[in-house]
N, C-alpha and C. Protein backbone atom coordinates (compact mmCIF):
# COMPACT_ATOMS: atom_id res chain seq x y z
N MET A 1 66.87 38.07 88.27
CA MET A 1 67.35 38.47 87.00
C MET A 1 67.04 39.92 86.84
N ASN A 2 65.90 40.53 87.49
CA ASN A 2 65.48 41.78 87.39
C ASN A 2 66.27 42.78 88.20
N LYS A 3 67.06 42.19 89.21
CA LYS A 3 67.66 43.14 90.07
C LYS A 3 68.81 44.13 89.43
N PRO A 4 69.56 43.62 88.50
CA PRO A 4 70.52 44.49 87.82
C PRO A 4 69.66 45.70 87.18
N GLY A 5 68.56 45.33 86.42
CA GLY A 5 67.73 46.37 85.73
C GLY A 5 67.10 47.40 86.75
N LEU A 6 66.74 46.89 87.91
CA LEU A 6 66.10 47.79 88.78
C LEU A 6 67.33 48.75 89.43
N ASN A 7 68.41 48.31 89.52
CA ASN A 7 69.50 49.09 90.16
C ASN A 7 70.06 50.18 89.19
N ARG A 8 69.84 49.94 87.76
CA ARG A 8 70.44 50.91 86.90
C ARG A 8 69.87 52.41 87.09
N PRO A 9 68.40 52.58 87.34
CA PRO A 9 68.06 53.90 87.53
C PRO A 9 68.65 54.61 88.71
N LEU A 10 68.73 53.85 89.78
CA LEU A 10 69.41 54.30 91.06
C LEU A 10 70.95 54.70 90.74
N ALA A 11 71.49 53.82 90.00
CA ALA A 11 73.02 54.11 89.71
C ALA A 11 73.10 55.41 88.86
N LYS A 12 72.14 55.66 87.88
CA LYS A 12 72.17 56.76 87.06
C LYS A 12 71.95 58.05 87.83
N ALA A 13 70.91 57.96 88.75
CA ALA A 13 70.68 59.03 89.49
C ALA A 13 71.80 59.47 90.46
N ALA A 14 72.36 58.50 90.98
CA ALA A 14 73.54 58.71 91.91
C ALA A 14 74.70 59.41 91.06
N LEU A 15 74.96 58.94 89.86
CA LEU A 15 75.94 59.50 89.07
C LEU A 15 75.69 60.87 88.65
N CYS A 16 74.42 61.23 88.31
CA CYS A 16 73.99 62.57 88.05
C CYS A 16 74.27 63.53 89.21
N VAL A 17 73.92 63.02 90.45
CA VAL A 17 74.12 63.76 91.53
C VAL A 17 75.55 64.09 91.74
N ALA A 18 76.34 63.19 91.55
CA ALA A 18 77.83 63.31 91.76
C ALA A 18 78.40 64.27 90.70
N LEU A 19 78.01 64.18 89.49
CA LEU A 19 78.40 64.94 88.37
C LEU A 19 77.94 66.40 88.64
N LEU A 20 76.82 66.61 89.13
CA LEU A 20 76.28 67.97 89.37
C LEU A 20 77.05 68.69 90.51
N ALA A 21 77.38 67.84 91.55
CA ALA A 21 78.05 68.39 92.68
C ALA A 21 79.50 68.75 92.22
N ALA A 22 80.01 67.91 91.35
CA ALA A 22 81.44 68.18 90.89
C ALA A 22 81.44 69.46 90.08
N LEU A 23 80.38 69.56 89.16
CA LEU A 23 80.34 70.76 88.39
C LEU A 23 80.15 72.03 89.17
N GLN A 24 79.35 71.93 90.25
CA GLN A 24 79.03 73.12 90.96
C GLN A 24 80.25 73.56 91.74
N GLY A 25 81.12 72.56 92.12
CA GLY A 25 82.34 72.79 92.83
C GLY A 25 83.36 73.45 91.90
N CYS A 26 83.19 73.19 90.62
CA CYS A 26 84.21 73.80 89.61
C CYS A 26 83.95 75.15 89.31
N VAL A 27 82.64 75.57 89.53
CA VAL A 27 82.19 76.98 89.16
C VAL A 27 83.00 78.05 89.74
N PRO A 28 83.21 77.98 91.23
CA PRO A 28 83.96 79.08 91.80
C PRO A 28 85.44 78.96 91.40
N LEU A 29 85.98 77.79 91.04
CA LEU A 29 87.35 77.66 90.61
C LEU A 29 87.54 78.37 89.22
N VAL A 30 86.50 78.09 88.41
CA VAL A 30 86.57 78.81 87.05
C VAL A 30 86.38 80.25 87.19
N ILE A 31 85.45 80.73 87.96
CA ILE A 31 85.34 82.13 88.12
C ILE A 31 86.56 82.81 88.94
N GLY A 32 87.02 82.24 89.87
CA GLY A 32 88.26 82.68 90.55
C GLY A 32 89.43 82.70 89.59
N GLY A 33 89.64 81.68 88.85
CA GLY A 33 90.70 81.58 87.91
C GLY A 33 90.63 82.77 86.83
N ALA A 34 89.39 83.01 86.35
CA ALA A 34 89.20 84.02 85.33
C ALA A 34 89.50 85.43 86.01
N ALA A 35 89.17 85.57 87.23
CA ALA A 35 89.38 86.91 87.79
C ALA A 35 90.93 87.10 88.07
N MET A 36 91.47 86.00 88.48
CA MET A 36 93.03 86.10 88.70
C MET A 36 93.78 86.34 87.25
N SER A 37 93.16 85.62 86.27
CA SER A 37 93.90 85.97 84.93
C SER A 37 93.69 87.30 84.45
N ALA A 38 92.64 87.93 84.76
CA ALA A 38 92.25 89.23 84.31
C ALA A 38 93.14 90.19 85.07
N ALA A 39 93.33 90.07 86.43
CA ALA A 39 94.17 90.93 87.19
C ALA A 39 95.68 90.84 86.79
N ALA A 40 95.96 89.49 86.30
CA ALA A 40 97.47 89.38 85.96
C ALA A 40 97.64 89.99 84.63
N THR A 41 96.61 90.06 83.78
CA THR A 41 96.75 90.61 82.35
C THR A 41 96.78 92.10 82.48
N MET A 42 96.08 92.71 83.58
CA MET A 42 96.16 94.29 83.61
C MET A 42 97.38 94.70 84.29
N ASP A 43 98.07 93.74 84.96
CA ASP A 43 99.34 94.14 85.69
C ASP A 43 100.35 94.49 84.73
N ARG A 44 101.15 95.56 84.94
CA ARG A 44 102.21 96.04 84.00
C ARG A 44 103.55 95.16 84.11
N ARG A 45 103.59 94.42 85.22
CA ARG A 45 104.71 93.46 85.20
C ARG A 45 104.43 92.29 84.29
N THR A 46 105.57 91.69 83.93
CA THR A 46 105.41 90.41 83.12
C THR A 46 104.87 89.33 84.00
N LEU A 47 104.34 88.23 83.49
CA LEU A 47 103.86 87.17 84.30
C LEU A 47 105.09 86.55 85.07
N GLY A 48 106.18 86.47 84.38
CA GLY A 48 107.39 85.98 85.10
C GLY A 48 107.78 86.75 86.21
N ALA A 49 107.65 88.12 86.09
CA ALA A 49 108.00 88.97 87.28
C ALA A 49 107.02 88.88 88.31
N GLN A 50 105.71 88.65 88.05
CA GLN A 50 104.69 88.46 89.05
C GLN A 50 105.04 87.21 89.79
N THR A 51 105.33 86.20 89.18
CA THR A 51 105.52 84.89 89.81
C THR A 51 106.77 85.02 90.74
N GLU A 52 107.81 85.72 90.22
CA GLU A 52 109.04 85.84 90.97
C GLU A 52 108.81 86.70 92.27
N ASP A 53 108.03 87.74 92.12
CA ASP A 53 107.64 88.67 93.26
C ASP A 53 107.08 87.73 94.25
N LYS A 54 106.12 86.86 93.96
CA LYS A 54 105.45 86.14 95.02
C LYS A 54 106.41 85.14 95.63
N SER A 55 107.30 84.55 94.87
CA SER A 55 108.45 83.67 95.32
C SER A 55 109.26 84.35 96.24
N ILE A 56 109.75 85.57 95.80
CA ILE A 56 110.57 86.32 96.71
C ILE A 56 110.02 86.56 98.00
N THR A 57 108.72 87.08 98.02
CA THR A 57 108.03 87.39 99.20
C THR A 57 107.95 86.26 100.21
N VAL A 58 107.61 85.20 99.64
CA VAL A 58 107.32 83.85 100.46
C VAL A 58 108.63 83.54 101.01
N LYS A 59 109.85 83.55 100.30
CA LYS A 59 111.07 83.21 100.87
C LYS A 59 111.60 84.16 101.90
N ALA A 60 111.33 85.40 101.64
CA ALA A 60 111.75 86.53 102.61
C ALA A 60 111.03 86.28 103.93
N GLU A 61 109.63 85.99 103.86
CA GLU A 61 108.82 85.87 105.06
C GLU A 61 109.26 84.69 105.89
N VAL A 62 109.92 83.74 105.26
CA VAL A 62 110.37 82.58 105.90
C VAL A 62 111.76 82.94 106.66
N GLN A 63 112.66 83.61 105.94
CA GLN A 63 113.93 83.73 106.42
C GLN A 63 114.11 84.86 107.49
N VAL A 64 113.42 86.07 107.20
CA VAL A 64 113.56 87.24 107.96
C VAL A 64 113.09 87.05 109.41
N PRO A 65 112.07 86.29 109.73
CA PRO A 65 111.62 86.14 111.16
C PRO A 65 112.76 85.46 111.98
N LYS A 66 113.53 84.63 111.21
CA LYS A 66 114.71 83.87 111.97
C LYS A 66 115.60 84.74 112.47
N LEU A 67 115.84 85.97 111.67
CA LEU A 67 116.86 86.89 112.16
C LEU A 67 116.27 87.84 113.20
N VAL A 68 115.01 88.17 113.02
CA VAL A 68 114.46 89.28 113.84
C VAL A 68 113.81 88.76 115.19
N GLY A 69 113.19 87.65 115.09
CA GLY A 69 112.51 87.09 116.22
C GLY A 69 111.59 88.00 116.85
N SER A 70 111.39 88.12 118.07
CA SER A 70 110.36 89.00 118.75
C SER A 70 110.96 90.36 118.92
N ALA A 71 112.27 90.66 118.45
CA ALA A 71 112.84 92.01 118.72
C ALA A 71 112.44 92.95 117.61
N GLY A 72 111.64 92.53 116.75
CA GLY A 72 111.13 93.49 115.58
C GLY A 72 110.02 93.07 114.90
N HIS A 73 109.58 93.62 113.84
CA HIS A 73 108.49 93.47 113.04
C HIS A 73 108.78 93.95 111.61
N VAL A 74 108.93 93.03 110.60
CA VAL A 74 109.26 93.37 109.40
C VAL A 74 108.31 93.14 108.31
N ASN A 75 107.94 93.90 107.39
CA ASN A 75 107.01 93.76 106.34
C ASN A 75 107.90 93.71 105.00
N ILE A 76 107.41 92.77 104.15
CA ILE A 76 108.17 92.59 102.91
C ILE A 76 107.15 92.77 101.78
N ALA A 77 107.52 93.70 100.81
CA ALA A 77 106.72 93.90 99.62
C ALA A 77 107.65 93.86 98.43
N SER A 78 107.41 93.00 97.40
CA SER A 78 108.28 92.88 96.18
C SER A 78 107.44 93.31 95.05
N TYR A 79 107.93 94.12 94.24
CA TYR A 79 107.28 94.59 93.02
C TYR A 79 108.33 94.62 91.89
N ASN A 80 108.10 93.88 90.87
CA ASN A 80 109.17 93.79 89.70
C ASN A 80 110.51 93.57 90.16
N ARG A 81 110.61 92.65 91.13
CA ARG A 81 111.84 92.14 91.78
C ARG A 81 112.63 93.11 92.67
N LYS A 82 111.95 94.23 93.00
CA LYS A 82 112.53 95.18 93.89
C LYS A 82 111.75 94.94 95.26
N VAL A 83 112.49 94.86 96.27
CA VAL A 83 111.91 94.51 97.54
C VAL A 83 111.90 95.76 98.62
N LEU A 84 110.75 96.05 99.06
CA LEU A 84 110.60 97.11 100.10
C LEU A 84 110.50 96.50 101.42
N LEU A 85 111.38 96.96 102.37
CA LEU A 85 111.37 96.49 103.72
C LEU A 85 110.86 97.64 104.66
N THR A 86 109.85 97.31 105.36
CA THR A 86 109.42 98.43 106.30
C THR A 86 109.07 97.66 107.67
N GLY A 87 109.02 98.52 108.65
CA GLY A 87 108.80 97.95 109.94
C GLY A 87 109.76 98.35 110.91
N GLU A 88 110.02 97.62 111.97
CA GLU A 88 110.94 98.05 113.14
C GLU A 88 111.87 96.91 113.40
N VAL A 89 113.16 97.21 113.69
CA VAL A 89 114.16 96.30 114.15
C VAL A 89 114.94 96.81 115.38
N ARG A 90 115.64 95.94 116.00
CA ARG A 90 116.26 96.32 117.31
C ARG A 90 117.41 97.40 117.21
N ASP A 91 118.32 97.20 116.09
CA ASP A 91 119.44 98.14 115.98
C ASP A 91 119.90 98.04 114.46
N GLU A 92 121.04 98.78 114.24
CA GLU A 92 121.40 98.98 112.85
C GLU A 92 122.00 97.69 112.43
N ALA A 93 122.67 96.82 113.34
CA ALA A 93 123.25 95.58 112.91
C ALA A 93 122.06 94.65 112.46
N MET A 94 120.92 94.64 113.03
CA MET A 94 119.77 93.82 112.63
C MET A 94 119.26 94.37 111.31
N LYS A 95 119.09 95.65 111.19
CA LYS A 95 118.72 96.28 109.96
C LYS A 95 119.41 95.87 108.76
N SER A 96 120.83 95.88 108.88
CA SER A 96 121.73 95.52 107.82
C SER A 96 121.68 93.93 107.61
N ALA A 97 121.46 93.17 108.73
CA ALA A 97 121.41 91.76 108.46
C ALA A 97 120.21 91.36 107.65
N VAL A 98 119.09 92.08 107.95
CA VAL A 98 117.89 91.71 107.29
C VAL A 98 117.94 92.03 105.68
N GLU A 99 118.61 93.19 105.41
CA GLU A 99 118.77 93.49 104.03
C GLU A 99 119.73 92.63 103.34
N ARG A 100 120.85 92.16 103.90
CA ARG A 100 121.60 91.15 103.31
C ARG A 100 121.07 89.85 103.00
N GLU A 101 120.14 89.46 103.95
CA GLU A 101 119.47 88.14 103.76
C GLU A 101 118.56 88.28 102.64
N VAL A 102 117.80 89.37 102.47
CA VAL A 102 116.94 89.50 101.45
C VAL A 102 117.62 89.57 100.09
N ARG A 103 118.78 90.29 100.09
CA ARG A 103 119.55 90.43 98.80
C ARG A 103 120.10 89.18 98.26
N ARG A 104 120.22 88.09 99.19
CA ARG A 104 120.67 86.75 98.78
C ARG A 104 119.61 85.96 98.07
N ILE A 105 118.33 86.38 98.22
CA ILE A 105 117.26 85.69 97.66
C ILE A 105 117.36 85.70 96.09
N GLU A 106 117.08 84.60 95.47
CA GLU A 106 117.21 84.56 93.94
C GLU A 106 116.26 85.46 93.30
N ASN A 107 116.77 86.20 92.32
CA ASN A 107 115.97 87.06 91.38
C ASN A 107 115.70 88.48 92.07
N VAL A 108 116.21 88.77 93.26
CA VAL A 108 116.02 90.10 93.85
C VAL A 108 116.81 91.12 93.10
N ALA A 109 116.43 92.11 92.52
CA ALA A 109 117.25 93.02 91.68
C ALA A 109 117.54 94.16 92.60
N ASP A 110 116.82 94.65 93.62
CA ASP A 110 117.23 95.64 94.49
C ASP A 110 116.49 95.65 95.83
N VAL A 111 116.88 96.22 96.87
CA VAL A 111 116.28 96.34 98.18
C VAL A 111 116.12 97.80 98.58
N ILE A 112 115.03 98.08 98.92
CA ILE A 112 114.76 99.55 99.54
C ILE A 112 114.55 99.27 101.08
N ASN A 113 115.39 99.72 101.74
CA ASN A 113 115.42 99.36 103.27
C ASN A 113 114.85 100.65 103.97
N GLU A 114 113.60 100.45 104.44
CA GLU A 114 112.90 101.54 105.12
C GLU A 114 112.70 101.18 106.60
N LEU A 115 113.35 100.34 107.13
CA LEU A 115 113.27 99.80 108.37
C LEU A 115 113.80 100.89 109.36
N VAL A 116 113.12 101.06 110.57
CA VAL A 116 113.50 101.94 111.46
C VAL A 116 114.02 101.28 112.72
N ILE A 117 114.76 101.89 113.56
CA ILE A 117 115.25 101.28 114.82
C ILE A 117 114.13 101.70 115.94
N ALA A 118 113.49 100.77 116.24
CA ALA A 118 112.31 100.97 117.26
C ALA A 118 111.72 99.58 117.71
N GLY A 119 110.96 99.58 118.79
CA GLY A 119 110.38 98.46 119.14
C GLY A 119 109.23 98.16 118.27
N PRO A 120 108.68 96.82 118.21
CA PRO A 120 107.65 96.36 117.34
C PRO A 120 106.44 97.31 117.43
N SER A 121 105.78 97.59 116.32
CA SER A 121 104.59 98.53 116.32
C SER A 121 103.43 97.67 117.00
N SER A 122 102.48 98.49 117.47
CA SER A 122 101.40 97.84 118.22
C SER A 122 100.38 97.35 117.30
N TYR A 123 99.49 96.40 117.71
CA TYR A 123 98.37 95.96 116.91
C TYR A 123 97.43 97.03 116.46
N THR A 124 97.22 98.08 117.25
CA THR A 124 96.36 99.23 116.97
C THR A 124 97.05 99.95 115.71
N SER A 125 98.26 100.14 115.83
CA SER A 125 99.00 100.91 114.73
C SER A 125 98.93 100.11 113.48
N ARG A 126 99.06 98.79 113.51
CA ARG A 126 99.05 97.99 112.27
C ARG A 126 97.61 97.90 111.70
N SER A 127 96.74 97.96 112.58
CA SER A 127 95.23 98.02 112.14
C SER A 127 95.01 99.30 111.42
N SER A 128 95.40 100.48 111.97
CA SER A 128 95.28 101.66 111.40
C SER A 128 95.95 101.77 109.97
N ASP A 129 97.03 101.19 109.89
CA ASP A 129 97.90 101.15 108.62
C ASP A 129 97.01 100.33 107.59
N ALA A 130 96.54 99.28 108.00
CA ALA A 130 95.70 98.38 107.13
C ALA A 130 94.53 99.27 106.61
N ILE A 131 93.85 99.95 107.39
CA ILE A 131 92.74 100.70 106.93
C ILE A 131 93.12 101.84 106.03
N ILE A 132 94.30 102.50 106.30
CA ILE A 132 94.75 103.47 105.34
C ILE A 132 95.04 102.89 104.07
N THR A 133 95.75 101.79 104.03
CA THR A 133 96.04 101.03 102.80
C THR A 133 94.72 100.80 101.97
N GLY A 134 93.74 100.35 102.60
CA GLY A 134 92.46 100.01 101.93
C GLY A 134 91.76 101.34 101.35
N ASN A 135 91.86 102.32 102.22
CA ASN A 135 91.28 103.66 101.79
C ASN A 135 92.12 104.27 100.45
N VAL A 136 93.35 104.18 100.57
CA VAL A 136 94.15 104.56 99.50
C VAL A 136 93.87 103.83 98.14
N LYS A 137 93.77 102.51 98.30
CA LYS A 137 93.46 101.60 97.11
C LYS A 137 92.03 102.07 96.65
N GLY A 138 91.15 102.24 97.51
CA GLY A 138 89.69 102.60 97.09
C GLY A 138 89.75 103.95 96.33
N SER A 139 90.48 104.88 96.84
CA SER A 139 90.58 106.26 96.21
C SER A 139 91.26 106.17 94.89
N LEU A 140 92.24 105.26 94.70
CA LEU A 140 92.93 105.07 93.37
C LEU A 140 91.95 104.57 92.42
N ILE A 141 91.09 103.64 92.84
CA ILE A 141 90.17 102.90 91.99
C ILE A 141 89.06 103.98 91.48
N GLU A 142 88.78 104.87 92.39
CA GLU A 142 87.71 105.98 92.09
C GLU A 142 88.27 106.95 90.93
N MET A 143 89.58 107.09 90.90
CA MET A 143 90.11 108.03 89.92
C MET A 143 90.28 107.26 88.58
N LYS A 144 89.31 107.64 87.68
CA LYS A 144 89.29 106.85 86.39
C LYS A 144 90.35 107.25 85.47
N THR A 145 91.11 108.17 85.70
CA THR A 145 92.11 108.57 84.71
C THR A 145 93.44 107.81 84.85
N ILE A 146 93.55 106.88 85.92
CA ILE A 146 94.72 106.11 86.10
C ILE A 146 94.31 104.66 86.30
N SER A 147 95.14 103.80 86.16
CA SER A 147 94.83 102.32 86.34
C SER A 147 95.34 101.94 87.92
N ALA A 148 94.28 101.60 88.66
CA ALA A 148 94.69 101.26 90.06
C ALA A 148 95.43 100.02 90.04
N THR A 149 95.26 99.12 89.19
CA THR A 149 96.06 97.79 89.11
C THR A 149 97.51 98.10 88.91
N SER A 150 98.05 99.34 88.52
CA SER A 150 99.29 99.52 88.19
C SER A 150 100.15 99.90 89.52
N PHE A 151 99.43 100.04 90.60
CA PHE A 151 100.05 100.55 91.86
C PHE A 151 100.00 99.47 93.01
N LYS A 152 101.12 99.41 93.79
CA LYS A 152 101.11 98.64 94.99
C LYS A 152 101.20 99.48 96.08
N VAL A 153 100.35 99.32 97.11
CA VAL A 153 100.27 100.33 98.24
C VAL A 153 100.77 99.51 99.52
N VAL A 154 101.62 100.16 100.16
CA VAL A 154 102.04 99.64 101.53
C VAL A 154 102.08 100.75 102.49
N THR A 155 101.58 100.60 103.74
CA THR A 155 101.45 101.56 104.68
C THR A 155 102.11 101.10 106.07
N GLU A 156 103.10 101.99 106.62
CA GLU A 156 103.78 101.65 107.81
C GLU A 156 103.76 102.91 108.67
N ARG A 157 103.20 102.85 109.86
CA ARG A 157 103.11 103.91 110.85
C ARG A 157 102.68 105.24 110.13
N GLY A 158 101.74 105.10 109.30
CA GLY A 158 101.06 106.28 108.71
C GLY A 158 101.70 106.86 107.42
N THR A 159 102.84 106.25 107.07
CA THR A 159 103.66 106.51 105.84
C THR A 159 103.21 105.54 104.74
N VAL A 160 102.73 106.12 103.62
CA VAL A 160 102.35 105.39 102.51
C VAL A 160 103.39 105.18 101.43
N TYR A 161 103.66 104.04 101.08
CA TYR A 161 104.61 103.78 100.06
C TYR A 161 103.94 103.26 98.85
N LEU A 162 104.23 104.01 97.81
CA LEU A 162 103.54 103.61 96.41
C LEU A 162 104.58 103.05 95.41
N MET A 163 104.32 101.90 94.98
CA MET A 163 105.26 101.13 94.14
C MET A 163 104.43 100.87 92.77
N GLY A 164 105.17 100.65 91.69
CA GLY A 164 104.52 100.49 90.44
C GLY A 164 105.28 100.95 89.13
N ARG A 165 104.85 100.51 88.07
CA ARG A 165 105.36 100.90 86.77
C ARG A 165 104.42 101.91 86.14
N VAL A 166 104.73 103.21 86.27
CA VAL A 166 103.81 104.28 85.96
C VAL A 166 104.51 105.47 85.26
N THR A 167 103.71 106.34 84.61
CA THR A 167 104.30 107.54 84.11
C THR A 167 104.44 108.52 85.19
N GLN A 168 105.19 109.66 84.96
CA GLN A 168 105.31 110.67 86.00
C GLN A 168 103.99 111.17 86.25
N ARG A 169 103.24 111.42 85.44
CA ARG A 169 101.90 112.03 85.51
C ARG A 169 100.97 111.10 86.49
N GLU A 170 101.00 109.81 86.18
CA GLU A 170 100.34 108.87 86.98
C GLU A 170 100.78 108.91 88.39
N GLY A 171 102.10 108.82 88.54
CA GLY A 171 102.80 108.83 89.83
C GLY A 171 102.42 109.98 90.71
N ASP A 172 102.53 111.16 90.06
CA ASP A 172 102.21 112.39 90.86
C ASP A 172 100.75 112.46 91.27
N LEU A 173 99.86 112.01 90.39
CA LEU A 173 98.50 112.03 90.60
C LEU A 173 98.15 111.06 91.86
N ALA A 174 98.71 109.90 91.75
CA ALA A 174 98.46 108.85 92.80
C ALA A 174 99.04 109.33 94.19
N ALA A 175 100.17 110.08 94.16
CA ALA A 175 100.69 110.55 95.36
C ALA A 175 99.77 111.68 95.93
N ASN A 176 99.28 112.50 95.23
CA ASN A 176 98.33 113.53 95.68
C ASN A 176 97.02 112.91 96.15
N ILE A 177 96.59 111.83 95.49
CA ILE A 177 95.42 111.11 96.04
C ILE A 177 95.72 110.52 97.37
N ALA A 178 96.82 109.88 97.49
CA ALA A 178 97.11 109.29 98.84
C ALA A 178 97.29 110.21 99.86
N LYS A 179 97.91 111.41 99.58
CA LYS A 179 98.01 112.39 100.66
C LYS A 179 96.83 113.04 101.20
N SER A 180 95.69 112.84 100.36
CA SER A 180 94.38 113.39 100.79
C SER A 180 93.53 112.36 101.69
N VAL A 181 94.14 111.25 101.77
CA VAL A 181 93.41 110.27 102.61
C VAL A 181 93.74 110.41 104.10
N SER A 182 92.57 110.29 105.00
CA SER A 182 92.81 110.69 106.34
C SER A 182 93.74 109.59 107.04
N GLY A 183 94.60 110.17 107.77
CA GLY A 183 95.50 109.38 108.50
C GLY A 183 96.97 109.21 107.84
N VAL A 184 97.05 109.67 106.71
CA VAL A 184 98.20 109.57 105.94
C VAL A 184 99.22 110.70 106.37
N GLN A 185 100.43 110.38 106.92
CA GLN A 185 101.33 111.41 107.34
C GLN A 185 102.37 111.72 106.23
N ARG A 186 102.68 110.86 105.41
CA ARG A 186 103.71 110.97 104.45
C ARG A 186 103.53 110.08 103.32
N VAL A 187 103.98 110.30 102.10
CA VAL A 187 103.82 109.56 100.95
C VAL A 187 105.21 109.34 100.34
N VAL A 188 105.72 108.21 100.15
CA VAL A 188 107.09 107.87 99.50
C VAL A 188 106.79 107.12 98.23
N LYS A 189 107.25 107.77 97.10
CA LYS A 189 107.19 107.25 95.76
C LYS A 189 108.31 106.26 95.46
N ILE A 190 108.05 105.04 95.05
CA ILE A 190 109.07 104.18 94.71
C ILE A 190 108.64 103.52 93.43
N PHE A 191 108.84 104.27 92.32
CA PHE A 191 108.24 103.98 90.95
C PHE A 191 109.32 103.63 89.98
N GLU A 192 108.87 102.82 89.05
CA GLU A 192 109.79 102.65 87.72
C GLU A 192 108.99 103.44 86.74
N TYR A 193 109.53 104.57 86.33
CA TYR A 193 108.78 105.45 85.45
C TYR A 193 108.78 105.04 83.93
N LEU A 194 107.65 105.08 83.22
CA LEU A 194 107.44 104.88 81.88
C LEU A 194 107.32 106.27 81.22
N THR A 195 107.51 106.32 79.99
CA THR A 195 107.24 107.55 79.19
C THR A 195 105.79 107.41 78.73
N GLU A 196 105.06 108.39 78.39
CA GLU A 196 103.75 108.40 78.03
C GLU A 196 103.54 107.62 76.67
N GLU A 197 104.70 107.66 75.88
CA GLU A 197 104.64 106.89 74.61
C GLU A 197 104.75 105.39 74.99
N GLU A 198 105.64 104.97 75.92
CA GLU A 198 105.72 103.63 76.31
C GLU A 198 104.39 103.10 76.88
N LEU A 199 103.73 103.96 77.67
CA LEU A 199 102.41 103.51 78.18
C LEU A 199 101.48 103.29 77.16
N ARG A 200 101.38 104.14 76.11
CA ARG A 200 100.43 104.04 75.08
C ARG A 200 100.66 102.73 74.14
N THR A 201 101.95 102.45 73.90
CA THR A 201 102.33 101.39 72.87
C THR A 201 102.35 100.01 73.75
N GLN A 202 102.91 100.12 75.00
CA GLN A 202 103.08 98.73 75.59
C GLN A 202 101.78 98.32 76.56
N PHE A 203 101.16 99.30 76.97
CA PHE A 203 100.04 98.98 77.83
C PHE A 203 98.69 99.81 77.49
N PRO A 204 98.24 99.52 76.38
CA PRO A 204 97.13 100.42 75.85
C PRO A 204 95.86 100.14 76.75
N LYS A 205 95.75 98.84 77.33
CA LYS A 205 94.61 98.60 78.02
C LYS A 205 94.57 99.24 79.40
N THR A 206 95.71 99.64 79.92
CA THR A 206 95.87 100.18 81.41
C THR A 206 96.14 101.57 81.26
N SER A 207 96.18 102.21 80.18
CA SER A 207 96.63 103.61 80.05
C SER A 207 95.57 104.59 80.65
N SER A 208 94.29 104.28 80.73
CA SER A 208 93.39 105.28 81.25
C SER A 208 92.24 104.64 81.91
N VAL A 209 92.33 103.28 82.25
CA VAL A 209 91.27 102.62 82.79
C VAL A 209 91.55 101.97 84.25
N ALA A 210 90.73 102.35 85.28
CA ALA A 210 91.09 101.79 86.61
C ALA A 210 90.16 100.70 86.83
N LEU A 211 90.70 99.61 87.20
CA LEU A 211 89.82 98.42 87.52
C LEU A 211 89.85 98.12 89.06
């Protein structure tokens, strides 16, 4: 008769351990979710555009390799439904085919085709580009008079492409910052320009704070 009573403390202890483990597992998810929400809020794209950009990128990254195969190397970056294509392809026919395929993807507003006719870039070149991208992003964060979250940075063979919804002042400043980074050979601005008034009224939280 006493066995059920004796088992209750053990059952309660096991339940507490399980609940604690579950709660501990939730903490990173909560923190991660909060960080993602904050980044999404600071982004000057609408939440819908951010979601569509992710979808466009995923679909393009599935379809493009089927066209290119081992004959090229294509990077896809989508910002506010405008897709930047960089990398190398075998010939003009392949370059055009890749652009047509990406334009067919739902919600794509425009395609900026910066593909070059050349063999696939080396691992060393891509690693160098990744370092440059990181250094440019870091330099933008250090500049407190602009919002680093308003820029998307892509580097290909030493050329830095800057995308974002920014004012002329912000775009010029970001371009000058990028040019000063070691290894950068050229800077290409692919911006959607806002007026200073639009920046103040529509995005007061990102007008002068870099996160």
